[in-house]
Amino acid sequence: MTVLNILDYSPIDEGETAASALASTAELAKLADRSGYTRYWVAEHHQVYSVAGSSPEMLMMHLATLTERIRIGSGGVMLPHYSAYKVAENFRLLEALHPNRIDLGVGRSPSFRLVNQALNESKGRRVPYEQQLIDLEKYFTDDVDSEHRFQKLKATPITETAPELWLLGTGEGSAQLAAERGMAYAFAHFARPEKAGIEVVNRFREAFRPSGLRDQAHVSVAVFAVVGETEEQAEQLAKAFDLWLLFVESDFQPPYYPSVETAGQRRLSASEKERVARNRSRLLVGTAEQVKQQIETVAEEFGADEITIIPNIAGHANRMKTVQLLAEAFALS
């Protein structure tokens, strides 16, 4: 049985506000909870004006309170911006309030240069990323015996359980770090859909070393998914996604996710059409049954233990329908 998760960017639909986008995320999380999904993750995006997800820890607190059984997590916290100790405390607090339901997915920082400057302007020397991962393992396992610069320090609150720790990535560097630290690995197929990604995941499995966090290698693969009740509707939604991605990758960023109607009226230049064609490899499109088959193909190719879908499509009702239709197609509940 395929384990299905959701990663939600909290898109701000055209004509809507950030507040309504976050309310939509809450409704989507509650639907995923009822429908049998395993995890619901939220993102950390800065200076992307069409999405409302900028502080995953705070949004996670809200969602964990509104849901009952689904695991709530970050996809992910951009660790180099922050103190590993403070991140550990934030997530241990979440874990204390919602035991066995909290995931910490961490990544490097693909943010804009100005964002990096603003988040780090008061800092001196940066702690290396690998050292931050070592720090998180220490704080999540309450290790005060191993040699460490803060050997006797524990992250509070002290809890009987700990958040699940995941490393996010697309390349060999992140896969190697996850394997060396004994962490679960979340591969971003939506960012790197090439077949080379399969080899990255295979090398992670081969190099995996058991740790205090995990006994064996575990992989989730994240995909953009656009599901319509018909192929025609799915293609209309995909065209809105195409336009949103063009906006995100350009200097022009409207503060909303374009509607199906806006996308249908927008004429694309020759260069934009080329970019859309390239970006379509990052996207699974079709009816629920068609996307189910595509998901199963990805899962088989990567040997994935879990698949995380990103229903980053126009319209709250369409996102709700996508989550519902895939749950029914996979008989999750």
C-alpha atoms as a PDB file:
ATOM      1  CA  MET A   1       0.000   0.000   0.000  1.00  0.00           C
ATOM      2  CA  THR A   2       1.365   3.401  -1.004  1.00  0.00           C
ATOM      3  CA  VAL A   3       1.890   5.821   1.898  1.00  0.00           C
ATOM      4  CA  LEU A   4       0.673   9.250   0.792  1.00  0.00           C
ATOM      5  CA  ASN A   5       1.569  12.599   2.361  1.00  0.00           C
ATOM      6  CA  ILE A   6       0.860  16.237   1.526  1.00  0.00           C
ATOM      7  CA  LEU A   7       3.170  19.263   1.365  1.00  0.00           C
ATOM      8  CA  ASP A   8       1.186  22.503   1.312  1.00  0.00           C
ATOM      9  CA  TYR A   9       2.675  25.858   0.243  1.00  0.00           C
ATOM     10  CA  SER A  10      -0.504  27.750   1.296  1.00  0.00           C
ATOM     11  CA  PRO A  11      -0.995  29.400  -2.123  1.00  0.00           C
ATOM     12  CA  ILE A  12      -2.800  32.746  -2.197  1.00  0.00           C
ATOM     13  CA  ASP A  13      -5.448  32.435  -4.883  1.00  0.00           C
ATOM     14  CA  GLU A  14      -6.114  35.346  -7.211  1.00  0.00           C
ATOM     15  CA  GLY A  15      -8.566  37.676  -5.481  1.00  0.00           C
ATOM     16  CA  GLU A  16      -7.860  36.159  -2.058  1.00  0.00           C
ATOM     17  CA  THR A  17      -5.619  37.156   0.869  1.00  0.00           C
ATOM     18  CA  ALA A  18      -2.868  35.534   2.916  1.00  0.00           C
ATOM     19  CA  ALA A  19      -5.379  35.095   5.746  1.00  0.00           C
ATOM     20  CA  SER A  20      -7.796  33.200   3.509  1.00  0.00           C
ATOM     21  CA  ALA A  21      -4.906  31.098   2.151  1.00  0.00           C
ATOM     22  CA  LEU A  22      -3.982  30.010   5.672  1.00  0.00           C
ATOM     23  CA  ALA A  23      -7.637  29.264   6.443  1.00  0.00           C
ATOM     24  CA  SER A  24      -7.682  27.102   3.305  1.00  0.00           C
ATOM     25  CA  THR A  25      -4.575  25.272   4.517  1.00  0.00           C
ATOM     26  CA  ALA A  26      -6.347  24.505   7.788  1.00  0.00           C
ATOM     27  CA  GLU A  27      -9.351  23.077   5.933  1.00  0.00           C
ATOM     28  CA  LEU A  28      -7.101  21.015   3.668  1.00  0.00           C
ATOM     29  CA  ALA A  29      -5.206  19.618   6.666  1.00  0.00           C
ATOM     30  CA  LYS A  30      -8.446  18.573   8.342  1.00  0.00           C
ATOM     31  CA  LEU A  31      -9.569  16.850   5.133  1.00  0.00           C
ATOM     32  CA  ALA A  32      -6.229  15.036   4.846  1.00  0.00           C
ATOM     33  CA  ASP A  33      -6.559  13.949   8.475  1.00  0.00           C
ATOM     34  CA  ARG A  34     -10.013  12.466   7.818  1.00  0.00           C
ATOM     35  CA  SER A  35      -8.983  10.916   4.512  1.00  0.00           C
ATOM     36  CA  GLY A  36      -6.097   8.716   5.653  1.00  0.00           C
ATOM     37  CA  TYR A  37      -2.980  10.640   4.601  1.00  0.00           C
ATOM     38  CA  THR A  38       0.043   9.940   6.804  1.00  0.00           C
ATOM     39  CA  ARG A  39       1.802  13.338   6.986  1.00  0.00           C
ATOM     40  CA  TYR A  40       0.873  16.958   6.356  1.00  0.00           C
ATOM     41  CA  TRP A  41       3.873  19.233   5.911  1.00  0.00           C
ATOM     42  CA  VAL A  42       4.054  22.983   5.418  1.00  0.00           C
ATOM     43  CA  ALA A  43       6.815  24.986   3.786  1.00  0.00           C
ATOM     44  CA  GLU A  44       9.146  27.867   4.513  1.00  0.00           C
ATOM     45  CA  HIS A  45       9.177  30.281   1.587  1.00  0.00           C
ATOM     46  CA  HIS A  46      10.459  33.842   1.796  1.00  0.00           C
ATOM     47  CA  GLN A  47       9.848  36.605  -0.751  1.00  0.00           C
ATOM     48  CA  VAL A  48       7.524  34.388  -2.783  1.00  0.00           C
ATOM     49  CA  TYR A  49       4.510  36.650  -2.624  1.00  0.00           C
ATOM     50  CA  SER A  50       1.998  34.150  -4.001  1.00  0.00           C
ATOM     51  CA  VAL A  51       2.306  31.773  -1.034  1.00  0.00           C
ATOM     52  CA  ALA A  52       1.586  32.395   2.653  1.00  0.00           C
ATOM     53  CA  GLY A  53       3.837  29.716   4.149  1.00  0.00           C
ATOM     54  CA  SER A  54       6.830  31.511   5.672  1.00  0.00           C
ATOM     55  CA  SER A  55       6.972  30.182   9.251  1.00  0.00           C
ATOM     56  CA  PRO A  56       6.311  26.438   9.369  1.00  0.00           C
ATOM     57  CA  GLU A  57       6.655  26.038  13.142  1.00  0.00           C
ATOM     58  CA  MET A  58       3.877  28.523  13.862  1.00  0.00           C
ATOM     59  CA  LEU A  59       1.567  27.109  11.218  1.00  0.00           C
ATOM     60  CA  MET A  60       2.289  23.580  12.439  1.00  0.00           C
ATOM     61  CA  MET A  61       1.103  24.500  15.937  1.00  0.00           C
ATOM     62  CA  HIS A  62      -2.211  25.663  14.489  1.00  0.00           C
ATOM     63  CA  LEU A  63      -2.666  22.585  12.283  1.00  0.00           C
ATOM     64  CA  ALA A  64      -1.682  20.079  14.951  1.00  0.00           C
ATOM     65  CA  THR A  65      -4.361  21.536  17.233  1.00  0.00           C
ATOM     66  CA  LEU A  66      -7.011  21.293  14.505  1.00  0.00           C
ATOM     67  CA  THR A  67      -6.229  17.678  13.502  1.00  0.00           C
ATOM     68  CA  GLU A  68      -6.329  14.406  15.386  1.00  0.00           C
ATOM     69  CA  ARG A  69      -4.049  11.678  14.038  1.00  0.00           C
ATOM     70  CA  ILE A  70      -2.091  12.878  10.979  1.00  0.00           C
ATOM     71  CA  ARG A  71       1.589  13.732  11.477  1.00  0.00           C
ATOM     72  CA  ILE A  72       2.300  17.451  11.093  1.00  0.00           C
ATOM     73  CA  GLY A  73       5.682  18.572   9.817  1.00  0.00           C
ATOM     74  CA  SER A  74       7.921  21.080   8.072  1.00  0.00           C
ATOM     75  CA  GLY A  75       8.987  20.705   4.500  1.00  0.00           C
ATOM     76  CA  GLY A  76      11.161  22.272   5.571  1.00  0.00           C
ATOM     77  CA  VAL A  77      12.947  24.511   8.013  1.00  0.00           C
ATOM     78  CA  MET A  78      15.892  26.188   6.262  1.00  0.00           C
ATOM     79  CA  LEU A  79      18.400  25.265   8.941  1.00  0.00           C
ATOM     80  CA  PRO A  80      21.397  27.483   8.038  1.00  0.00           C
ATOM     81  CA  HIS A  81      19.344  30.561   8.962  1.00  0.00           C
ATOM     82  CA  TYR A  82      18.796  29.432  12.538  1.00  0.00           C
ATOM     83  CA  SER A  83      20.259  28.033  15.734  1.00  0.00           C
ATOM     84  CA  ALA A  84      19.922  24.238  15.756  1.00  0.00           C
ATOM     85  CA  TYR A  85      19.298  24.455  19.507  1.00  0.00           C
ATOM     86  CA  LYS A  86      16.366  26.825  19.080  1.00  0.00           C
ATOM     87  CA  VAL A  87      14.922  24.723  16.246  1.00  0.00           C
ATOM     88  CA  ALA A  88      15.171  21.649  18.481  1.00  0.00           C
ATOM     89  CA  GLU A  89      13.372  23.442  21.313  1.00  0.00           C
ATOM     90  CA  ASN A  90      10.579  24.621  19.005  1.00  0.00           C
ATOM     91  CA  PHE A  91       9.979  21.109  17.737  1.00  0.00           C
ATOM     92  CA  ARG A  92      10.305  19.424  21.122  1.00  0.00           C
ATOM     93  CA  LEU A  93       7.637  21.807  22.380  1.00  0.00           C
ATOM     94  CA  LEU A  94       5.409  20.775  19.486  1.00  0.00           C
ATOM     95  CA  GLU A  95       6.169  17.128  20.284  1.00  0.00           C
ATOM     96  CA  ALA A  96       5.313  17.630  23.968  1.00  0.00           C
ATOM     97  CA  LEU A  97       1.898  18.983  22.986  1.00  0.00           C
ATOM     98  CA  HIS A  98       1.283  16.440  20.188  1.00  0.00           C
ATOM     99  CA  PRO A  99       3.285  13.253  20.956  1.00  0.00           C
ATOM    100  CA  ASN A 100       4.271  11.007  18.028  1.00  0.00           C
ATOM    101  CA  ARG A 101       2.804  13.451  15.524  1.00  0.00           C
ATOM    102  CA  ILE A 102       5.611  15.917  14.755  1.00  0.00           C
ATOM    103  CA  ASP A 103       8.123  15.828  11.876  1.00  0.00           C
ATOM    104  CA  LEU A 104      11.082  18.142  11.387  1.00  0.00           C
ATOM    105  CA  GLY A 105      12.167  18.304   7.773  1.00  0.00           C
ATOM    106  CA  VAL A 106      15.259  20.458   7.298  1.00  0.00           C
ATOM    107  CA  GLY A 107      17.051  21.766   4.254  1.00  0.00           C
ATOM    108  CA  ARG A 108      19.691  24.229   3.176  1.00  0.00           C
ATOM    109  CA  SER A 109      18.592  27.644   1.984  1.00  0.00           C
ATOM    110  CA  PRO A 110      17.645  28.283  -1.649  1.00  0.00           C
ATOM    111  CA  SER A 111      16.325  31.720  -0.652  1.00  0.00           C
ATOM    112  CA  PHE A 112      16.992  34.977  -2.447  1.00  0.00           C
ATOM    113  CA  ARG A 113      20.194  36.840  -1.592  1.00  0.00           C
ATOM    114  CA  LEU A 114      18.297  39.650   0.129  1.00  0.00           C
ATOM    115  CA  VAL A 115      16.443  37.100   2.282  1.00  0.00           C
ATOM    116  CA  ASN A 116      19.706  35.472   3.293  1.00  0.00           C
ATOM    117  CA  GLN A 117      21.113  38.846   4.270  1.00  0.00           C
ATOM    118  CA  ALA A 118      18.057  39.821   6.312  1.00  0.00           C
ATOM    119  CA  LEU A 119      17.924  36.508   8.191  1.00  0.00           C
ATOM    120  CA  ASN A 120      21.626  36.508   8.981  1.00  0.00           C
ATOM    121  CA  GLU A 121      22.702  40.140   9.306  1.00  0.00           C
ATOM    122  CA  SER A 122      23.398  39.922  13.059  1.00  0.00           C
ATOM    123  CA  LYS A 123      25.460  36.739  12.837  1.00  0.00           C
ATOM    124  CA  GLY A 124      29.174  36.262  12.769  1.00  0.00           C
ATOM    125  CA  ARG A 125      30.644  32.915  11.768  1.00  0.00           C
ATOM    126  CA  ARG A 126      28.099  30.417  10.479  1.00  0.00           C
ATOM    127  CA  VAL A 127      27.989  26.919  11.934  1.00  0.00           C
ATOM    128  CA  PRO A 128      28.550  24.380   9.121  1.00  0.00           C
ATOM    129  CA  TYR A 129      25.377  22.658   7.921  1.00  0.00           C
ATOM    130  CA  GLU A 130      26.709  19.198   8.740  1.00  0.00           C
ATOM    131  CA  GLN A 131      27.486  20.310  12.293  1.00  0.00           C
ATOM    132  CA  GLN A 132      23.919  21.603  12.646  1.00  0.00           C
ATOM    133  CA  LEU A 133      22.634  18.143  11.695  1.00  0.00           C
ATOM    134  CA  ILE A 134      24.900  16.586  14.323  1.00  0.00           C
ATOM    135  CA  ASP A 135      23.518  19.107  16.816  1.00  0.00           C
ATOM    136  CA  LEU A 136      19.903  18.189  16.025  1.00  0.00           C
ATOM    137  CA  GLU A 137      20.646  14.493  16.488  1.00  0.00           C
ATOM    138  CA  LYS A 138      22.187  15.253  19.886  1.00  0.00           C
ATOM    139  CA  TYR A 139      19.227  17.353  21.002  1.00  0.00           C
ATOM    140  CA  PHE A 140      16.616  14.857  19.788  1.00  0.00           C
ATOM    141  CA  THR A 141      18.340  11.867  21.418  1.00  0.00           C
ATOM    142  CA  ASP A 142      19.218  13.662  24.709  1.00  0.00           C
ATOM    143  CA  ASP A 143      22.854  12.650  24.225  1.00  0.00           C
ATOM    144  CA  VAL A 144      25.054  14.174  26.953  1.00  0.00           C
ATOM    145  CA  ASP A 145      27.796  11.534  26.778  1.00  0.00           C
ATOM    146  CA  SER A 146      29.285  12.014  23.307  1.00  0.00           C
ATOM    147  CA  GLU A 147      31.906  14.674  22.731  1.00  0.00           C
ATOM    148  CA  HIS A 148      30.241  17.933  21.736  1.00  0.00           C
ATOM    149  CA  ARG A 149      30.910  21.621  22.223  1.00  0.00           C
ATOM    150  CA  PHE A 150      27.703  21.792  24.319  1.00  0.00           C
ATOM    151  CA  GLN A 151      28.071  18.315  25.771  1.00  0.00           C
ATOM    152  CA  LYS A 152      25.805  18.625  28.823  1.00  0.00           C
ATOM    153  CA  LEU A 153      23.144  20.707  27.105  1.00  0.00           C
ATOM    154  CA  LYS A 154      19.695  19.249  26.483  1.00  0.00           C
ATOM    155  CA  ALA A 155      16.873  20.760  24.444  1.00  0.00           C
ATOM    156  CA  THR A 156      13.778  21.363  26.517  1.00  0.00           C
ATOM    157  CA  PRO A 157      11.107  20.396  27.149  1.00  0.00           C
ATOM    158  CA  ILE A 158      12.328  16.870  27.867  1.00  0.00           C
ATOM    159  CA  THR A 159       9.830  14.463  26.336  1.00  0.00           C
ATOM    160  CA  GLU A 160       9.385  10.705  26.192  1.00  0.00           C
ATOM    161  CA  THR A 161       9.142  10.868  22.405  1.00  0.00           C
ATOM    162  CA  ALA A 162      11.020  12.960  19.847  1.00  0.00           C
ATOM    163  CA  PRO A 163      10.117  14.528  16.510  1.00  0.00           C
ATOM    164  CA  GLU A 164      10.990  12.535  13.416  1.00  0.00           C
ATOM    165  CA  LEU A 165      13.961  14.104  11.648  1.00  0.00           C
ATOM    166  CA  TRP A 166      14.118  14.281   7.842  1.00  0.00           C
ATOM    167  CA  LEU A 167      16.707  15.782   5.515  1.00  0.00           C
ATOM    168  CA  LEU A 168      15.366  17.383   2.340  1.00  0.00           C
ATOM    169  CA  GLY A 169      17.381  17.486  -0.854  1.00  0.00           C
ATOM    170  CA  THR A 170      17.831  16.896  -4.569  1.00  0.00           C
ATOM    171  CA  GLY A 171      21.473  15.904  -4.977  1.00  0.00           C
ATOM    172  CA  GLU A 172      24.289  13.653  -3.883  1.00  0.00           C
ATOM    173  CA  GLY A 173      25.487  16.052  -1.176  1.00  0.00           C
ATOM    174  CA  SER A 174      22.226  16.000   0.769  1.00  0.00           C
ATOM    175  CA  ALA A 175      21.785  12.265   0.221  1.00  0.00           C
ATOM    176  CA  GLN A 176      25.283  11.573   1.553  1.00  0.00           C
ATOM    177  CA  LEU A 177      24.682  13.730   4.628  1.00  0.00           C
ATOM    178  CA  ALA A 178      21.382  11.983   5.344  1.00  0.00           C
ATOM    179  CA  ALA A 179      23.039   8.590   4.980  1.00  0.00           C
ATOM    180  CA  GLU A 180      26.002   9.482   7.208  1.00  0.00           C
ATOM    181  CA  ARG A 181      23.749  10.929   9.938  1.00  0.00           C
ATOM    182  CA  GLY A 182      21.216   8.099   9.784  1.00  0.00           C
ATOM    183  CA  MET A 183      18.316  10.381   8.874  1.00  0.00           C
ATOM    184  CA  ALA A 184      15.244   9.804   6.726  1.00  0.00           C
ATOM    185  CA  TYR A 185      15.605  11.386   3.277  1.00  0.00           C
ATOM    186  CA  ALA A 186      12.963  13.405   1.408  1.00  0.00           C
ATOM    187  CA  PHE A 187      13.882  13.706  -2.278  1.00  0.00           C
ATOM    188  CA  ALA A 188      12.415  16.664  -4.188  1.00  0.00           C
ATOM    189  CA  HIS A 189      11.383  15.061  -7.487  1.00  0.00           C
ATOM    190  CA  PHE A 190       9.393  18.244  -8.235  1.00  0.00           C
ATOM    191  CA  ALA A 191      12.680  20.170  -8.380  1.00  0.00           C
ATOM    192  CA  ARG A 192      14.772  17.470 -10.051  1.00  0.00           C
ATOM    193  CA  PRO A 193      12.629  15.020 -12.049  1.00  0.00           C
ATOM    194  CA  GLU A 194      15.542  13.623 -14.059  1.00  0.00           C
ATOM    195  CA  LYS A 195      16.357   9.912 -13.890  1.00  0.00           C
ATOM    196  CA  ALA A 196      19.635  10.865 -12.182  1.00  0.00           C
ATOM    197  CA  GLY A 197      17.571  11.343  -9.028  1.00  0.00           C
ATOM    198  CA  ILE A 198      16.984   7.598  -8.862  1.00  0.00           C
ATOM    199  CA  GLU A 199      20.728   7.064  -8.542  1.00  0.00           C
ATOM    200  CA  VAL A 200      20.900   9.709  -5.793  1.00  0.00           C
ATOM    201  CA  VAL A 201      18.292   7.813  -3.768  1.00  0.00           C
ATOM    202  CA  ASN A 202      20.002   4.474  -4.454  1.00  0.00           C
ATOM    203  CA  ARG A 203      23.305   5.838  -3.164  1.00  0.00           C
ATOM    204  CA  PHE A 204      21.568   7.116  -0.041  1.00  0.00           C
ATOM    205  CA  ARG A 205      20.272   3.623   0.685  1.00  0.00           C
ATOM    206  CA  GLU A 206      23.669   2.025   0.029  1.00  0.00           C
ATOM    207  CA  ALA A 207      25.541   4.499   2.243  1.00  0.00           C
ATOM    208  CA  PHE A 208      23.001   4.624   5.077  1.00  0.00           C
ATOM    209  CA  ARG A 209      24.393   4.172   8.588  1.00  0.00           C
ATOM    210  CA  PRO A 210      21.991   3.378  11.440  1.00  0.00           C
ATOM    211  CA  SER A 211      21.888   6.079  14.119  1.00  0.00           C
ATOM    212  CA  GLY A 212      20.117   7.075  17.284  1.00  0.00           C
ATOM    213  CA  LEU A 213      17.458   8.501  15.006  1.00  0.00           C
ATOM    214  CA  ARG A 214      16.700   5.595  12.681  1.00  0.00           C
ATOM    215  CA  ASP A 215      17.692   1.945  12.202  1.00  0.00           C
ATOM    216  CA  GLN A 216      17.260   1.739   8.440  1.00  0.00           C
ATOM    217  CA  ALA A 217      17.068   3.917   5.357  1.00  0.00           C
ATOM    218  CA  HIS A 218      13.696   5.517   4.657  1.00  0.00           C
ATOM    219  CA  VAL A 219      12.774   7.615   1.612  1.00  0.00           C
ATOM    220  CA  SER A 220       9.943   9.918   0.662  1.00  0.00           C
ATOM    221  CA  VAL A 221       9.691  11.360  -2.849  1.00  0.00           C
ATOM    222  CA  ALA A 222       7.832  14.675  -3.297  1.00  0.00           C
ATOM    223  CA  VAL A 223       5.931  15.439  -6.523  1.00  0.00           C
ATOM    224  CA  PHE A 224       3.782  18.238  -7.882  1.00  0.00           C
ATOM    225  CA  ALA A 225       0.335  16.748  -8.603  1.00  0.00           C
ATOM    226  CA  VAL A 226      -2.560  18.274 -10.537  1.00  0.00           C
ATOM    227  CA  VAL A 227      -5.752  16.224 -10.510  1.00  0.00           C
ATOM    228  CA  GLY A 228      -8.965  17.024 -12.320  1.00  0.00           C
ATOM    229  CA  GLU A 229     -12.284  15.231 -12.493  1.00  0.00           C
ATOM    230  CA  THR A 230     -11.642  15.057 -16.246  1.00  0.00           C
ATOM    231  CA  GLU A 231      -8.486  15.245 -18.361  1.00  0.00           C
ATOM    232  CA  GLU A 232      -9.685  18.586 -19.734  1.00  0.00           C
ATOM    233  CA  GLN A 233     -10.076  20.087 -16.269  1.00  0.00           C
ATOM    234  CA  ALA A 234      -6.691  18.728 -15.225  1.00  0.00           C
ATOM    235  CA  GLU A 235      -5.072  20.425 -18.222  1.00  0.00           C
ATOM    236  CA  GLN A 236      -6.752  23.746 -17.384  1.00  0.00           C
ATOM    237  CA  LEU A 237      -5.414  23.537 -13.839  1.00  0.00           C
ATOM    238  CA  ALA A 238      -1.994  22.600 -15.184  1.00  0.00           C
ATOM    239  CA  LYS A 239      -1.937  25.723 -17.368  1.00  0.00           C
ATOM    240  CA  ALA A 240      -2.551  27.860 -14.274  1.00  0.00           C
ATOM    241  CA  PHE A 241       0.338  26.026 -12.595  1.00  0.00           C
ATOM    242  CA  ASP A 242       2.504  26.677 -15.661  1.00  0.00           C
ATOM    243  CA  LEU A 243       1.818  30.409 -15.397  1.00  0.00           C
ATOM    244  CA  TRP A 244       2.432  30.468 -11.620  1.00  0.00           C
ATOM    245  CA  LEU A 245       5.815  28.807 -12.104  1.00  0.00           C
ATOM    246  CA  LEU A 246       6.714  31.252 -14.857  1.00  0.00           C
ATOM    247  CA  PHE A 247       5.916  34.106 -12.473  1.00  0.00           C
ATOM    248  CA  VAL A 248       7.970  32.602  -9.632  1.00  0.00           C
ATOM    249  CA  GLU A 249      10.971  32.096 -11.907  1.00  0.00           C
ATOM    250  CA  SER A 250      10.807  35.624 -13.361  1.00  0.00           C
ATOM    251  CA  ASP A 251      11.340  39.162 -12.111  1.00  0.00           C
ATOM    252  CA  PHE A 252       7.577  39.746 -12.185  1.00  0.00           C
ATOM    253  CA  GLN A 253       5.881  38.198  -9.146  1.00  0.00           C
ATOM    254  CA  PRO A 254       2.230  39.075  -8.608  1.00  0.00           C
ATOM    255  CA  PRO A 255       1.073  38.500  -5.013  1.00  0.00           C
ATOM    256  CA  TYR A 256      -1.324  35.715  -5.983  1.00  0.00           C
ATOM    257  CA  TYR A 257      -1.610  32.344  -7.683  1.00  0.00           C
ATOM    258  CA  PRO A 258      -3.203  32.942 -11.109  1.00  0.00           C
ATOM    259  CA  SER A 259      -6.699  31.582 -11.702  1.00  0.00           C
ATOM    260  CA  VAL A 260      -7.655  29.144 -14.441  1.00  0.00           C
ATOM    261  CA  GLU A 261      -9.409  32.031 -16.208  1.00  0.00           C
ATOM    262  CA  THR A 262      -6.319  34.266 -16.091  1.00  0.00           C
ATOM    263  CA  ALA A 263      -4.113  31.450 -17.364  1.00  0.00           C
ATOM    264  CA  GLY A 264      -6.531  30.724 -20.201  1.00  0.00           C
ATOM    265  CA  GLN A 265      -6.362  34.342 -21.383  1.00  0.00           C
ATOM    266  CA  ARG A 266      -2.583  34.711 -21.092  1.00  0.00           C
ATOM    267  CA  ARG A 267      -0.612  34.394 -24.330  1.00  0.00           C
ATOM    268  CA  LEU A 268       2.854  32.926 -23.920  1.00  0.00           C
ATOM    269  CA  SER A 269       5.955  33.987 -25.805  1.00  0.00           C
ATOM    270  CA  ALA A 270       8.064  31.412 -27.619  1.00  0.00           C
ATOM    271  CA  SER A 271      10.634  31.363 -24.809  1.00  0.00           C
ATOM    272  CA  GLU A 272       7.882  30.995 -22.180  1.00  0.00           C
ATOM    273  CA  LYS A 273       6.436  28.048 -24.098  1.00  0.00           C
ATOM    274  CA  GLU A 274       9.851  26.401 -24.045  1.00  0.00           C
ATOM    275  CA  ARG A 275      10.124  26.893 -20.276  1.00  0.00           C
ATOM    276  CA  VAL A 276       6.618  25.522 -19.749  1.00  0.00           C
ATOM    277  CA  ALA A 277       7.495  22.429 -21.776  1.00  0.00           C
ATOM    278  CA  ARG A 278      10.617  21.880 -19.645  1.00  0.00           C
ATOM    279  CA  ASN A 279       8.752  22.444 -16.394  1.00  0.00           C
ATOM    280  CA  ARG A 280       6.004  19.965 -17.282  1.00  0.00           C
ATOM    281  CA  SER A 281       8.425  17.127 -16.442  1.00  0.00           C
ATOM    282  CA  ARG A 282       8.138  18.328 -12.825  1.00  0.00           C
ATOM    283  CA  LEU A 283       4.389  17.783 -12.788  1.00  0.00           C
ATOM    284  CA  LEU A 284       2.017  14.795 -12.624  1.00  0.00           C
ATOM    285  CA  VAL A 285      -1.216  15.686 -14.437  1.00  0.00           C
ATOM    286  CA  GLY A 286      -4.466  13.887 -15.118  1.00  0.00           C
ATOM    287  CA  THR A 287      -7.520  12.299 -13.589  1.00  0.00           C
ATOM    288  CA  ALA A 288      -7.143  10.668 -10.184  1.00  0.00           C
ATOM    289  CA  GLU A 289      -6.623   7.251 -11.741  1.00  0.00           C
ATOM    290  CA  GLN A 290      -4.046   8.591 -14.212  1.00  0.00           C
ATOM    291  CA  VAL A 291      -2.117  10.429 -11.487  1.00  0.00           C
ATOM    292  CA  LYS A 292      -2.316   7.347  -9.276  1.00  0.00           C
ATOM    293  CA  GLN A 293      -0.582   5.355 -12.020  1.00  0.00           C
ATOM    294  CA  GLN A 294       2.069   8.084 -12.388  1.00  0.00           C
ATOM    295  CA  ILE A 295       2.635   8.119  -8.615  1.00  0.00           C
ATOM    296  CA  GLU A 296       2.998   4.349  -8.537  1.00  0.00           C
ATOM    297  CA  THR A 297       5.535   4.544 -11.358  1.00  0.00           C
ATOM    298  CA  VAL A 298       7.587   7.157  -9.471  1.00  0.00           C
ATOM    299  CA  ALA A 299       7.360   5.110  -6.265  1.00  0.00           C
ATOM    300  CA  GLU A 300       8.575   1.987  -8.066  1.00  0.00           C
ATOM    301  CA  GLU A 301      11.409   3.738  -9.908  1.00  0.00           C
ATOM    302  CA  PHE A 302      12.734   5.343  -6.731  1.00  0.00           C
ATOM    303  CA  GLY A 303      11.926   2.482  -4.402  1.00  0.00           C
ATOM    304  CA  ALA A 304      10.132   5.100  -2.306  1.00  0.00           C
ATOM    305  CA  ASP A 305       8.679   4.206   1.069  1.00  0.00           C
ATOM    306  CA  GLU A 306       6.354   7.205   0.867  1.00  0.00           C
ATOM    307  CA  ILE A 307       5.124   9.693  -1.720  1.00  0.00           C
ATOM    308  CA  THR A 308       4.459  13.321  -0.815  1.00  0.00           C
ATOM    309  CA  ILE A 309       2.134  15.176  -3.159  1.00  0.00           C
ATOM    310  CA  ILE A 310       2.197  18.960  -3.504  1.00  0.00           C
ATOM    311  CA  PRO A 311      -1.300  20.029  -4.609  1.00  0.00           C
ATOM    312  CA  ASN A 312      -0.133  23.523  -5.501  1.00  0.00           C
ATOM    313  CA  ILE A 313      -2.983  24.308  -7.857  1.00  0.00           C
ATOM    314  CA  ALA A 314      -5.421  27.168  -8.413  1.00  0.00           C
ATOM    315  CA  GLY A 315      -8.490  27.342  -6.210  1.00  0.00           C
ATOM    316  CA  HIS A 316      -9.180  26.024  -2.721  1.00  0.00           C
ATOM    317  CA  ALA A 317     -12.032  23.841  -3.983  1.00  0.00           C
ATOM    318  CA  ASN A 318      -9.716  22.287  -6.580  1.00  0.00           C
ATOM    319  CA  ARG A 319      -7.071  21.524  -3.956  1.00  0.00           C
ATOM    320  CA  MET A 320      -9.690  19.933  -1.717  1.00  0.00           C
ATOM    321  CA  LYS A 321     -10.962  17.865  -4.654  1.00  0.00           C
ATOM    322  CA  THR A 322      -7.433  16.733  -5.539  1.00  0.00           C
ATOM    323  CA  VAL A 323      -6.811  15.507  -1.993  1.00  0.00           C
ATOM    324  CA  GLN A 324     -10.190  13.786  -1.876  1.00  0.00           C
ATOM    325  CA  LEU A 325      -9.912  12.124  -5.286  1.00  0.00           C
ATOM    326  CA  LEU A 326      -6.424  10.743  -4.629  1.00  0.00           C
ATOM    327  CA  ALA A 327      -7.485   9.429  -1.226  1.00  0.00           C
ATOM    328  CA  GLU A 328     -10.330   7.579  -2.944  1.00  0.00           C
ATOM    329  CA  ALA A 329      -8.127   6.313  -5.771  1.00  0.00           C
ATOM    330  CA  PHE A 330      -5.614   4.887  -3.266  1.00  0.00           C
ATOM    331  CA  ALA A 331      -8.360   3.752  -0.850  1.00  0.00           C
ATOM    332  CA  LEU A 332      -6.481   5.481   1.980  1.00  0.00           C
ATOM    333  CA  SER A 333      -9.243   5.589   4.571  1.00  0.00           C
END
